[in-house]
Amino acid sequence: MGNEKALKGKVALITGGSRGIGRAITLKLAEAGADVIINFFRKRSTAESAAQEARAKGVEAHIIKANVGEPEQVEDMFDEIESQFGRLDILINNAASGVARSALDLDDRGWDWTMDINARAFLLCARRAVRLMKSGGKMVSISSLGSRLVLPIYTAVGVSKAALEALTRYLAVELAPRGICVNGIAAGAVETEALKLYTADPNLPQPAWQTTPAGRMVQPEDIANLVAFLCSEQSDMIRGQIIVIDGGVSLTPVSPAKKNDQGE
């Protein structure tokens, strides 16, 4: 971004900010000078560890436990943010979950859970965040290529991410007059623990996620770097865009699974 402390004095909330992509984003924004609020749902120790790393970069770090799919918990989280910081400058909608099943194997509970965490949560957080962004701000949603490409056992997550991207565009236009920039990032397969849930299927075309034209898989830090740019003043005229970061893999055709010597 040019200036390493481009976000100095800013307050950033990162949902799901203690692990994987979220942790990388948390640490990158802290490195850029932002005070960080790390939302987590399950492991407090992991959130505390991320907060310690962030503080080592010379910023404030605060952790808040909340299921962002639950309206009441979102309200409580933002009440705490308001009391602790009085404002919010950056909202990173990163928390994600989902049920790894095909469309016909999905049940209502799995569908609702996935849609609530991956799509509705952004609306819940954005509505509340706006009240704390009195001087404008930045919002970034983290999506995936499954929003537009059909991937095995990814139905619920893919549809929820498509909804997330549509919501990103609507919020970008509606919040622009308030000085709030809203954008999204659609990532290819990222080398994290969560990836194993979707790549254990032996029927998956392995090269499609293990290699890219760039010669390596996307790393959490790649996404964090792009998030930091979208949170800086340098990106002010980028609005409502879903930026693909996948090493070019979505530009190439996926080869069908090879048949064995018996033609099976």
C-alpha atoms as a PDB file:
ATOM      1  CA  MET A   1       0.000   0.000   0.000  1.00  0.00           C
ATOM      2  CA  GLY A   2       3.027   2.263   0.091  1.00  0.00           C
ATOM      3  CA  ASN A   3       2.612   3.548   3.652  1.00  0.00           C
ATOM      4  CA  GLU A   4       2.992   0.687   6.124  1.00  0.00           C
ATOM      5  CA  LYS A   5       0.863   2.533   8.687  1.00  0.00           C
ATOM      6  CA  ALA A   6      -1.819   3.627   6.220  1.00  0.00           C
ATOM      7  CA  LEU A   7      -4.578   2.541   8.626  1.00  0.00           C
ATOM      8  CA  LYS A   8      -3.134   4.094  11.783  1.00  0.00           C
ATOM      9  CA  GLY A   9      -5.892   5.281  14.104  1.00  0.00           C
ATOM     10  CA  LYS A  10      -8.583   3.180  12.391  1.00  0.00           C
ATOM     11  CA  VAL A  11     -10.742   0.655  14.254  1.00  0.00           C
ATOM     12  CA  ALA A  12     -11.418  -2.609  12.414  1.00  0.00           C
ATOM     13  CA  LEU A  13     -13.779  -5.492  13.178  1.00  0.00           C
ATOM     14  CA  ILE A  14     -12.857  -8.819  11.606  1.00  0.00           C
ATOM     15  CA  THR A  15     -15.529 -11.495  11.974  1.00  0.00           C
ATOM     16  CA  GLY A  16     -13.989 -14.937  12.287  1.00  0.00           C
ATOM     17  CA  GLY A  17     -10.725 -13.078  12.809  1.00  0.00           C
ATOM     18  CA  SER A  18      -8.839 -15.611  14.901  1.00  0.00           C
ATOM     19  CA  ARG A  19      -8.095 -18.422  12.421  1.00  0.00           C
ATOM     20  CA  GLY A  20      -7.057 -19.025   8.827  1.00  0.00           C
ATOM     21  CA  ILE A  21      -7.868 -16.201   6.440  1.00  0.00           C
ATOM     22  CA  GLY A  22      -9.398 -14.123   9.235  1.00  0.00           C
ATOM     23  CA  ARG A  23      -6.242 -14.305  11.326  1.00  0.00           C
ATOM     24  CA  ALA A  24      -4.092 -13.235   8.378  1.00  0.00           C
ATOM     25  CA  ILE A  25      -6.416 -10.268   7.798  1.00  0.00           C
ATOM     26  CA  THR A  26      -6.335  -9.337  11.483  1.00  0.00           C
ATOM     27  CA  LEU A  27      -2.537  -9.291  11.556  1.00  0.00           C
ATOM     28  CA  LYS A  28      -2.232  -7.423   8.259  1.00  0.00           C
ATOM     29  CA  LEU A  29      -4.590  -4.661   9.381  1.00  0.00           C
ATOM     30  CA  ALA A  30      -2.731  -4.458  12.698  1.00  0.00           C
ATOM     31  CA  GLU A  31       0.543  -4.184  10.798  1.00  0.00           C
ATOM     32  CA  ALA A  32      -1.005  -1.303   8.837  1.00  0.00           C
ATOM     33  CA  GLY A  33      -1.731   0.455  12.135  1.00  0.00           C
ATOM     34  CA  ALA A  34      -5.398  -0.357  12.763  1.00  0.00           C
ATOM     35  CA  ASP A  35      -6.723  -1.300  16.181  1.00  0.00           C
ATOM     36  CA  VAL A  36      -8.433  -4.661  15.723  1.00  0.00           C
ATOM     37  CA  ILE A  37     -11.538  -6.277  17.156  1.00  0.00           C
ATOM     38  CA  ILE A  38     -11.388 -10.043  16.693  1.00  0.00           C
ATOM     39  CA  ASN A  39     -14.743 -11.792  16.571  1.00  0.00           C
ATOM     40  CA  PHE A  40     -14.673 -15.521  17.314  1.00  0.00           C
ATOM     41  CA  PHE A  41     -17.240 -18.219  18.061  1.00  0.00           C
ATOM     42  CA  ARG A  42     -15.534 -21.324  19.401  1.00  0.00           C
ATOM     43  CA  LYS A  43     -11.934 -21.188  20.691  1.00  0.00           C
ATOM     44  CA  ARG A  44     -11.148 -18.281  23.008  1.00  0.00           C
ATOM     45  CA  SER A  45      -7.514 -19.394  23.296  1.00  0.00           C
ATOM     46  CA  THR A  46      -7.044 -19.045  19.521  1.00  0.00           C
ATOM     47  CA  ALA A  47      -8.579 -15.559  19.594  1.00  0.00           C
ATOM     48  CA  GLU A  48      -6.351 -14.540  22.506  1.00  0.00           C
ATOM     49  CA  SER A  49      -3.312 -15.779  20.598  1.00  0.00           C
ATOM     50  CA  ALA A  50      -4.260 -13.703  17.538  1.00  0.00           C
ATOM     51  CA  ALA A  51      -4.834 -10.681  19.771  1.00  0.00           C
ATOM     52  CA  GLN A  52      -1.401 -11.079  21.347  1.00  0.00           C
ATOM     53  CA  GLU A  53       0.221 -11.166  17.922  1.00  0.00           C
ATOM     54  CA  ALA A  54      -1.681  -8.040  16.920  1.00  0.00           C
ATOM     55  CA  ARG A  55      -0.668  -6.174  20.090  1.00  0.00           C
ATOM     56  CA  ALA A  56       2.965  -7.011  19.362  1.00  0.00           C
ATOM     57  CA  LYS A  57       2.573  -4.802  16.284  1.00  0.00           C
ATOM     58  CA  GLY A  58       1.817  -1.812  18.509  1.00  0.00           C
ATOM     59  CA  VAL A  59      -1.988  -1.631  18.251  1.00  0.00           C
ATOM     60  CA  GLU A  60      -4.951  -2.348  20.488  1.00  0.00           C
ATOM     61  CA  ALA A  61      -6.630  -5.732  20.106  1.00  0.00           C
ATOM     62  CA  HIS A  62      -9.955  -6.751  21.600  1.00  0.00           C
ATOM     63  CA  ILE A  63     -11.745 -10.102  21.314  1.00  0.00           C
ATOM     64  CA  ILE A  64     -15.512 -10.669  21.292  1.00  0.00           C
ATOM     65  CA  LYS A  65     -17.303 -14.017  21.229  1.00  0.00           C
ATOM     66  CA  ALA A  66     -20.442 -14.000  19.077  1.00  0.00           C
ATOM     67  CA  ASN A  67     -22.283 -16.157  16.579  1.00  0.00           C
ATOM     68  CA  VAL A  68     -22.745 -13.626  13.784  1.00  0.00           C
ATOM     69  CA  GLY A  69     -25.674 -15.621  12.435  1.00  0.00           C
ATOM     70  CA  GLU A  70     -27.718 -14.683  15.512  1.00  0.00           C
ATOM     71  CA  PRO A  71     -29.206 -11.147  15.519  1.00  0.00           C
ATOM     72  CA  GLU A  72     -29.163 -10.814  19.310  1.00  0.00           C
ATOM     73  CA  GLN A  73     -25.496 -11.745  19.534  1.00  0.00           C
ATOM     74  CA  VAL A  74     -24.614  -9.324  16.755  1.00  0.00           C
ATOM     75  CA  GLU A  75     -26.387  -6.544  18.636  1.00  0.00           C
ATOM     76  CA  ASP A  76     -24.506  -7.391  21.825  1.00  0.00           C
ATOM     77  CA  MET A  77     -21.203  -7.442  19.943  1.00  0.00           C
ATOM     78  CA  PHE A  78     -21.749  -3.973  18.488  1.00  0.00           C
ATOM     79  CA  ASP A  79     -22.924  -2.617  21.838  1.00  0.00           C
ATOM     80  CA  GLU A  80     -19.581  -3.764  23.256  1.00  0.00           C
ATOM     81  CA  ILE A  81     -17.679  -2.188  20.363  1.00  0.00           C
ATOM     82  CA  GLU A  82     -19.515   1.084  20.879  1.00  0.00           C
ATOM     83  CA  SER A  83     -18.732   1.131  24.584  1.00  0.00           C
ATOM     84  CA  GLN A  84     -15.065   0.184  24.107  1.00  0.00           C
ATOM     85  CA  PHE A  85     -14.179   2.247  21.016  1.00  0.00           C
ATOM     86  CA  GLY A  86     -17.088   4.587  20.302  1.00  0.00           C
ATOM     87  CA  ARG A  87     -16.794   4.092  16.560  1.00  0.00           C
ATOM     88  CA  LEU A  88     -15.905   1.677  13.766  1.00  0.00           C
ATOM     89  CA  ASP A  89     -13.981   2.424  10.574  1.00  0.00           C
ATOM     90  CA  ILE A  90     -13.606  -1.005   8.965  1.00  0.00           C
ATOM     91  CA  LEU A  91     -15.857  -4.073   8.833  1.00  0.00           C
ATOM     92  CA  ILE A  92     -14.424  -7.297   7.405  1.00  0.00           C
ATOM     93  CA  ASN A  93     -17.152  -9.895   6.912  1.00  0.00           C
ATOM     94  CA  ASN A  94     -15.000 -13.028   6.971  1.00  0.00           C
ATOM     95  CA  ALA A  95     -16.731 -15.523   9.309  1.00  0.00           C
ATOM     96  CA  ALA A  96     -17.993 -18.503   7.335  1.00  0.00           C
ATOM     97  CA  SER A  97     -19.397 -21.947   7.859  1.00  0.00           C
ATOM     98  CA  GLY A  98     -21.322 -24.502   5.886  1.00  0.00           C
ATOM     99  CA  VAL A  99     -22.514 -28.028   5.322  1.00  0.00           C
ATOM    100  CA  ALA A 100     -20.484 -30.052   2.823  1.00  0.00           C
ATOM    101  CA  ARG A 101     -23.250 -31.909   0.999  1.00  0.00           C
ATOM    102  CA  SER A 102     -24.718 -32.136  -2.466  1.00  0.00           C
ATOM    103  CA  ALA A 103     -27.996 -30.326  -3.169  1.00  0.00           C
ATOM    104  CA  LEU A 104     -30.205 -33.394  -2.786  1.00  0.00           C
ATOM    105  CA  ASP A 105     -28.510 -34.413   0.464  1.00  0.00           C
ATOM    106  CA  LEU A 106     -28.997 -31.012   2.122  1.00  0.00           C
ATOM    107  CA  ASP A 107     -31.494 -30.693   4.939  1.00  0.00           C
ATOM    108  CA  ASP A 108     -33.289 -27.523   6.010  1.00  0.00           C
ATOM    109  CA  ARG A 109     -31.160 -27.058   9.109  1.00  0.00           C
ATOM    110  CA  GLY A 110     -27.890 -27.201   7.172  1.00  0.00           C
ATOM    111  CA  TRP A 111     -29.224 -24.793   4.553  1.00  0.00           C
ATOM    112  CA  ASP A 112     -30.433 -22.265   7.125  1.00  0.00           C
ATOM    113  CA  TRP A 113     -27.211 -22.449   9.162  1.00  0.00           C
ATOM    114  CA  THR A 114     -25.053 -21.832   6.098  1.00  0.00           C
ATOM    115  CA  MET A 115     -27.163 -18.969   4.757  1.00  0.00           C
ATOM    116  CA  ASP A 116     -27.314 -17.281   8.174  1.00  0.00           C
ATOM    117  CA  ILE A 117     -23.548 -17.353   8.783  1.00  0.00           C
ATOM    118  CA  ASN A 118     -22.383 -16.671   5.239  1.00  0.00           C
ATOM    119  CA  ALA A 119     -24.961 -14.194   3.919  1.00  0.00           C
ATOM    120  CA  ARG A 120     -27.367 -12.813   6.511  1.00  0.00           C
ATOM    121  CA  ALA A 121     -24.545 -12.090   8.955  1.00  0.00           C
ATOM    122  CA  PHE A 122     -23.133  -9.437   6.621  1.00  0.00           C
ATOM    123  CA  LEU A 123     -26.473  -7.650   6.536  1.00  0.00           C
ATOM    124  CA  LEU A 124     -26.825  -7.842  10.327  1.00  0.00           C
ATOM    125  CA  CYS A 125     -23.305  -6.513  10.877  1.00  0.00           C
ATOM    126  CA  ALA A 126     -23.492  -3.858   8.158  1.00  0.00           C
ATOM    127  CA  ARG A 127     -26.751  -2.392   9.468  1.00  0.00           C
ATOM    128  CA  ARG A 128     -25.253  -2.047  12.923  1.00  0.00           C
ATOM    129  CA  ALA A 129     -21.816  -0.929  11.739  1.00  0.00           C
ATOM    130  CA  VAL A 130     -23.275   1.989   9.774  1.00  0.00           C
ATOM    131  CA  ARG A 131     -24.340   3.609  13.050  1.00  0.00           C
ATOM    132  CA  LEU A 132     -20.687   3.606  14.182  1.00  0.00           C
ATOM    133  CA  MET A 133     -19.264   4.795  10.848  1.00  0.00           C
ATOM    134  CA  LYS A 134     -20.231   8.424  11.267  1.00  0.00           C
ATOM    135  CA  SER A 135     -17.257   9.628   9.211  1.00  0.00           C
ATOM    136  CA  GLY A 136     -17.487   6.969   6.527  1.00  0.00           C
ATOM    137  CA  GLY A 137     -15.708   3.648   6.409  1.00  0.00           C
ATOM    138  CA  LYS A 138     -14.816   0.491   4.533  1.00  0.00           C
ATOM    139  CA  MET A 139     -16.577  -2.861   4.344  1.00  0.00           C
ATOM    140  CA  VAL A 140     -15.124  -5.968   2.701  1.00  0.00           C
ATOM    141  CA  SER A 141     -16.899  -9.306   2.337  1.00  0.00           C
ATOM    142  CA  ILE A 142     -14.938 -12.525   1.776  1.00  0.00           C
ATOM    143  CA  SER A 143     -16.536 -14.793  -0.809  1.00  0.00           C
ATOM    144  CA  SER A 144     -15.264 -17.696  -2.923  1.00  0.00           C
ATOM    145  CA  LEU A 145     -15.236 -18.973  -6.489  1.00  0.00           C
ATOM    146  CA  GLY A 146     -18.015 -21.359  -5.487  1.00  0.00           C
ATOM    147  CA  SER A 147     -20.379 -18.402  -5.830  1.00  0.00           C
ATOM    148  CA  ARG A 148     -20.130 -18.724  -9.602  1.00  0.00           C
ATOM    149  CA  LEU A 149     -18.537 -22.124 -10.283  1.00  0.00           C
ATOM    150  CA  VAL A 150     -20.275 -25.393  -9.432  1.00  0.00           C
ATOM    151  CA  LEU A 151     -18.071 -27.390  -7.065  1.00  0.00           C
ATOM    152  CA  PRO A 152     -18.743 -30.831  -5.546  1.00  0.00           C
ATOM    153  CA  ILE A 153     -20.538 -30.867  -2.137  1.00  0.00           C
ATOM    154  CA  TYR A 154     -20.495 -27.051  -2.123  1.00  0.00           C
ATOM    155  CA  THR A 155     -24.154 -26.286  -2.839  1.00  0.00           C
ATOM    156  CA  ALA A 156     -25.119 -24.525   0.378  1.00  0.00           C
ATOM    157  CA  VAL A 157     -21.887 -22.576   0.659  1.00  0.00           C
ATOM    158  CA  GLY A 158     -21.823 -21.652  -3.040  1.00  0.00           C
ATOM    159  CA  VAL A 159     -25.375 -20.324  -3.002  1.00  0.00           C
ATOM    160  CA  SER A 160     -24.772 -18.425   0.240  1.00  0.00           C
ATOM    161  CA  LYS A 161     -21.652 -16.821  -1.234  1.00  0.00           C
ATOM    162  CA  ALA A 162     -23.606 -15.814  -4.356  1.00  0.00           C
ATOM    163  CA  ALA A 163     -26.128 -14.103  -2.069  1.00  0.00           C
ATOM    164  CA  LEU A 164     -23.257 -12.457  -0.186  1.00  0.00           C
ATOM    165  CA  GLU A 165     -21.854 -11.021  -3.402  1.00  0.00           C
ATOM    166  CA  ALA A 166     -25.247  -9.657  -4.459  1.00  0.00           C
ATOM    167  CA  LEU A 167     -25.673  -8.068  -1.027  1.00  0.00           C
ATOM    168  CA  THR A 168     -22.205  -6.517  -1.376  1.00  0.00           C
ATOM    169  CA  ARG A 169     -23.293  -4.750  -4.570  1.00  0.00           C
ATOM    170  CA  TYR A 170     -26.559  -3.492  -3.077  1.00  0.00           C
ATOM    171  CA  LEU A 171     -24.832  -2.194   0.050  1.00  0.00           C
ATOM    172  CA  ALA A 172     -22.159  -0.495  -2.059  1.00  0.00           C
ATOM    173  CA  VAL A 173     -24.754   1.678  -3.771  1.00  0.00           C
ATOM    174  CA  GLU A 174     -26.933   2.285  -0.723  1.00  0.00           C
ATOM    175  CA  LEU A 175     -24.039   3.208   1.577  1.00  0.00           C
ATOM    176  CA  ALA A 176     -22.009   5.280  -0.895  1.00  0.00           C
ATOM    177  CA  PRO A 177     -23.756   8.558   0.079  1.00  0.00           C
ATOM    178  CA  ARG A 178     -22.635   7.895   3.672  1.00  0.00           C
ATOM    179  CA  GLY A 179     -18.989   7.731   2.602  1.00  0.00           C
ATOM    180  CA  ILE A 180     -18.814   3.972   3.073  1.00  0.00           C
ATOM    181  CA  CYS A 181     -17.032   1.862   0.441  1.00  0.00           C
ATOM    182  CA  VAL A 182     -18.216  -1.741   0.120  1.00  0.00           C
ATOM    183  CA  ASN A 183     -16.400  -4.415  -1.889  1.00  0.00           C
ATOM    184  CA  GLY A 184     -15.869  -8.157  -1.892  1.00  0.00           C
ATOM    185  CA  ILE A 185     -13.158 -10.688  -2.592  1.00  0.00           C
ATOM    186  CA  ALA A 186     -13.829 -14.041  -4.258  1.00  0.00           C
ATOM    187  CA  ALA A 187     -10.979 -16.349  -3.390  1.00  0.00           C
ATOM    188  CA  GLY A 188      -9.946 -19.558  -5.050  1.00  0.00           C
ATOM    189  CA  ALA A 189      -8.927 -22.542  -2.933  1.00  0.00           C
ATOM    190  CA  VAL A 190      -6.876 -21.191  -0.036  1.00  0.00           C
ATOM    191  CA  GLU A 191      -4.373 -23.296   1.847  1.00  0.00           C
ATOM    192  CA  THR A 192      -6.105 -23.511   5.242  1.00  0.00           C
ATOM    193  CA  GLU A 193      -7.471 -26.237   7.518  1.00  0.00           C
ATOM    194  CA  ALA A 194     -11.003 -25.504   6.272  1.00  0.00           C
ATOM    195  CA  LEU A 195     -10.012 -26.558   2.756  1.00  0.00           C
ATOM    196  CA  LYS A 196      -9.634 -30.186   3.862  1.00  0.00           C
ATOM    197  CA  LEU A 197     -13.391 -30.432   4.422  1.00  0.00           C
ATOM    198  CA  TYR A 198     -14.042 -29.932   0.719  1.00  0.00           C
ATOM    199  CA  THR A 199     -11.005 -31.600  -0.834  1.00  0.00           C
ATOM    200  CA  ALA A 200     -11.185 -34.982   0.891  1.00  0.00           C
ATOM    201  CA  ASP A 201     -13.528 -36.217  -1.854  1.00  0.00           C
ATOM    202  CA  PRO A 202     -11.427 -38.470  -4.146  1.00  0.00           C
ATOM    203  CA  ASN A 203     -13.686 -37.562  -7.078  1.00  0.00           C
ATOM    204  CA  LEU A 204     -12.532 -33.953  -7.005  1.00  0.00           C
ATOM    205  CA  PRO A 205     -10.328 -32.863  -9.921  1.00  0.00           C
ATOM    206  CA  GLN A 206      -7.271 -32.354  -7.702  1.00  0.00           C
ATOM    207  CA  PRO A 207      -5.194 -30.169 -10.067  1.00  0.00           C
ATOM    208  CA  ALA A 208      -8.050 -27.645 -10.135  1.00  0.00           C
ATOM    209  CA  TRP A 209      -7.358 -26.640  -6.559  1.00  0.00           C
ATOM    210  CA  GLN A 210      -3.780 -27.764  -5.950  1.00  0.00           C
ATOM    211  CA  THR A 211      -2.206 -25.813  -8.816  1.00  0.00           C
ATOM    212  CA  THR A 212      -2.805 -22.484 -10.532  1.00  0.00           C
ATOM    213  CA  PRO A 213      -1.298 -20.703 -13.544  1.00  0.00           C
ATOM    214  CA  ALA A 214       0.620 -18.660 -10.978  1.00  0.00           C
ATOM    215  CA  GLY A 215       2.371 -21.844  -9.875  1.00  0.00           C
ATOM    216  CA  ARG A 216       1.108 -22.047  -6.313  1.00  0.00           C
ATOM    217  CA  MET A 217      -2.050 -22.031  -4.249  1.00  0.00           C
ATOM    218  CA  VAL A 218      -3.534 -18.857  -2.818  1.00  0.00           C
ATOM    219  CA  GLN A 219      -2.302 -18.163   0.719  1.00  0.00           C
ATOM    220  CA  PRO A 220      -4.256 -16.356   3.469  1.00  0.00           C
ATOM    221  CA  GLU A 221      -1.703 -13.551   3.282  1.00  0.00           C
ATOM    222  CA  ASP A 222      -2.562 -12.937  -0.380  1.00  0.00           C
ATOM    223  CA  ILE A 223      -6.138 -12.199   0.616  1.00  0.00           C
ATOM    224  CA  ALA A 224      -5.038 -10.129   3.610  1.00  0.00           C
ATOM    225  CA  ASN A 225      -2.899  -7.915   1.358  1.00  0.00           C
ATOM    226  CA  LEU A 226      -5.867  -7.248  -0.909  1.00  0.00           C
ATOM    227  CA  VAL A 227      -8.132  -6.526   2.063  1.00  0.00           C
ATOM    228  CA  ALA A 228      -5.633  -3.981   3.384  1.00  0.00           C
ATOM    229  CA  PHE A 229      -5.611  -2.234   0.008  1.00  0.00           C
ATOM    230  CA  LEU A 230      -9.431  -2.136  -0.120  1.00  0.00           C
ATOM    231  CA  CYS A 231      -9.426  -0.601   3.362  1.00  0.00           C
ATOM    232  CA  SER A 232      -7.017   2.158   2.358  1.00  0.00           C
ATOM    233  CA  GLU A 233      -7.755   5.532   0.771  1.00  0.00           C
ATOM    234  CA  GLN A 234      -6.111   4.298  -2.437  1.00  0.00           C
ATOM    235  CA  SER A 235      -9.206   2.195  -3.191  1.00  0.00           C
ATOM    236  CA  ASP A 236     -11.839   4.887  -2.644  1.00  0.00           C
ATOM    237  CA  MET A 237     -13.161   4.728  -6.201  1.00  0.00           C
ATOM    238  CA  ILE A 238     -13.596   0.949  -6.183  1.00  0.00           C
ATOM    239  CA  ARG A 239     -17.206   0.301  -5.222  1.00  0.00           C
ATOM    240  CA  GLY A 240     -19.342  -2.829  -5.239  1.00  0.00           C
ATOM    241  CA  GLN A 241     -16.721  -4.957  -6.944  1.00  0.00           C
ATOM    242  CA  ILE A 242     -16.042  -8.639  -6.325  1.00  0.00           C
ATOM    243  CA  ILE A 243     -12.326  -9.038  -6.960  1.00  0.00           C
ATOM    244  CA  VAL A 244     -11.191 -12.547  -7.853  1.00  0.00           C
ATOM    245  CA  ILE A 245      -7.934 -13.734  -6.307  1.00  0.00           C
ATOM    246  CA  ASP A 246      -7.182 -17.266  -7.451  1.00  0.00           C
ATOM    247  CA  GLY A 247      -3.831 -17.304  -9.225  1.00  0.00           C
ATOM    248  CA  GLY A 248      -5.709 -17.474 -12.523  1.00  0.00           C
ATOM    249  CA  VAL A 249      -7.269 -20.887 -11.954  1.00  0.00           C
ATOM    250  CA  SER A 250     -10.770 -19.752 -12.946  1.00  0.00           C
ATOM    251  CA  LEU A 251      -9.442 -18.763 -16.375  1.00  0.00           C
ATOM    252  CA  THR A 252      -8.510 -22.312 -17.310  1.00  0.00           C
ATOM    253  CA  PRO A 253     -10.762 -25.295 -18.090  1.00  0.00           C
ATOM    254  CA  VAL A 254     -11.002 -28.097 -15.567  1.00  0.00           C
ATOM    255  CA  SER A 255      -9.859 -31.410 -17.012  1.00  0.00           C
ATOM    256  CA  PRO A 256     -12.310 -34.290 -16.511  1.00  0.00           C
ATOM    257  CA  ALA A 257     -11.221 -37.106 -14.222  1.00  0.00           C
ATOM    258  CA  LYS A 258      -9.038 -39.572 -16.064  1.00  0.00           C
ATOM    259  CA  LYS A 259     -10.420 -43.018 -16.766  1.00  0.00           C
ATOM    260  CA  ASN A 260      -8.425 -46.063 -15.798  1.00  0.00           C
ATOM    261  CA  ASP A 261      -6.886 -48.489 -18.294  1.00  0.00           C
ATOM    262  CA  GLN A 262     -10.137 -50.455 -18.440  1.00  0.00           C
ATOM    263  CA  GLY A 263     -12.011 -47.361 -19.533  1.00  0.00           C
ATOM    264  CA  GLU A 264     -13.990 -47.232 -16.251  1.00  0.00           C
END
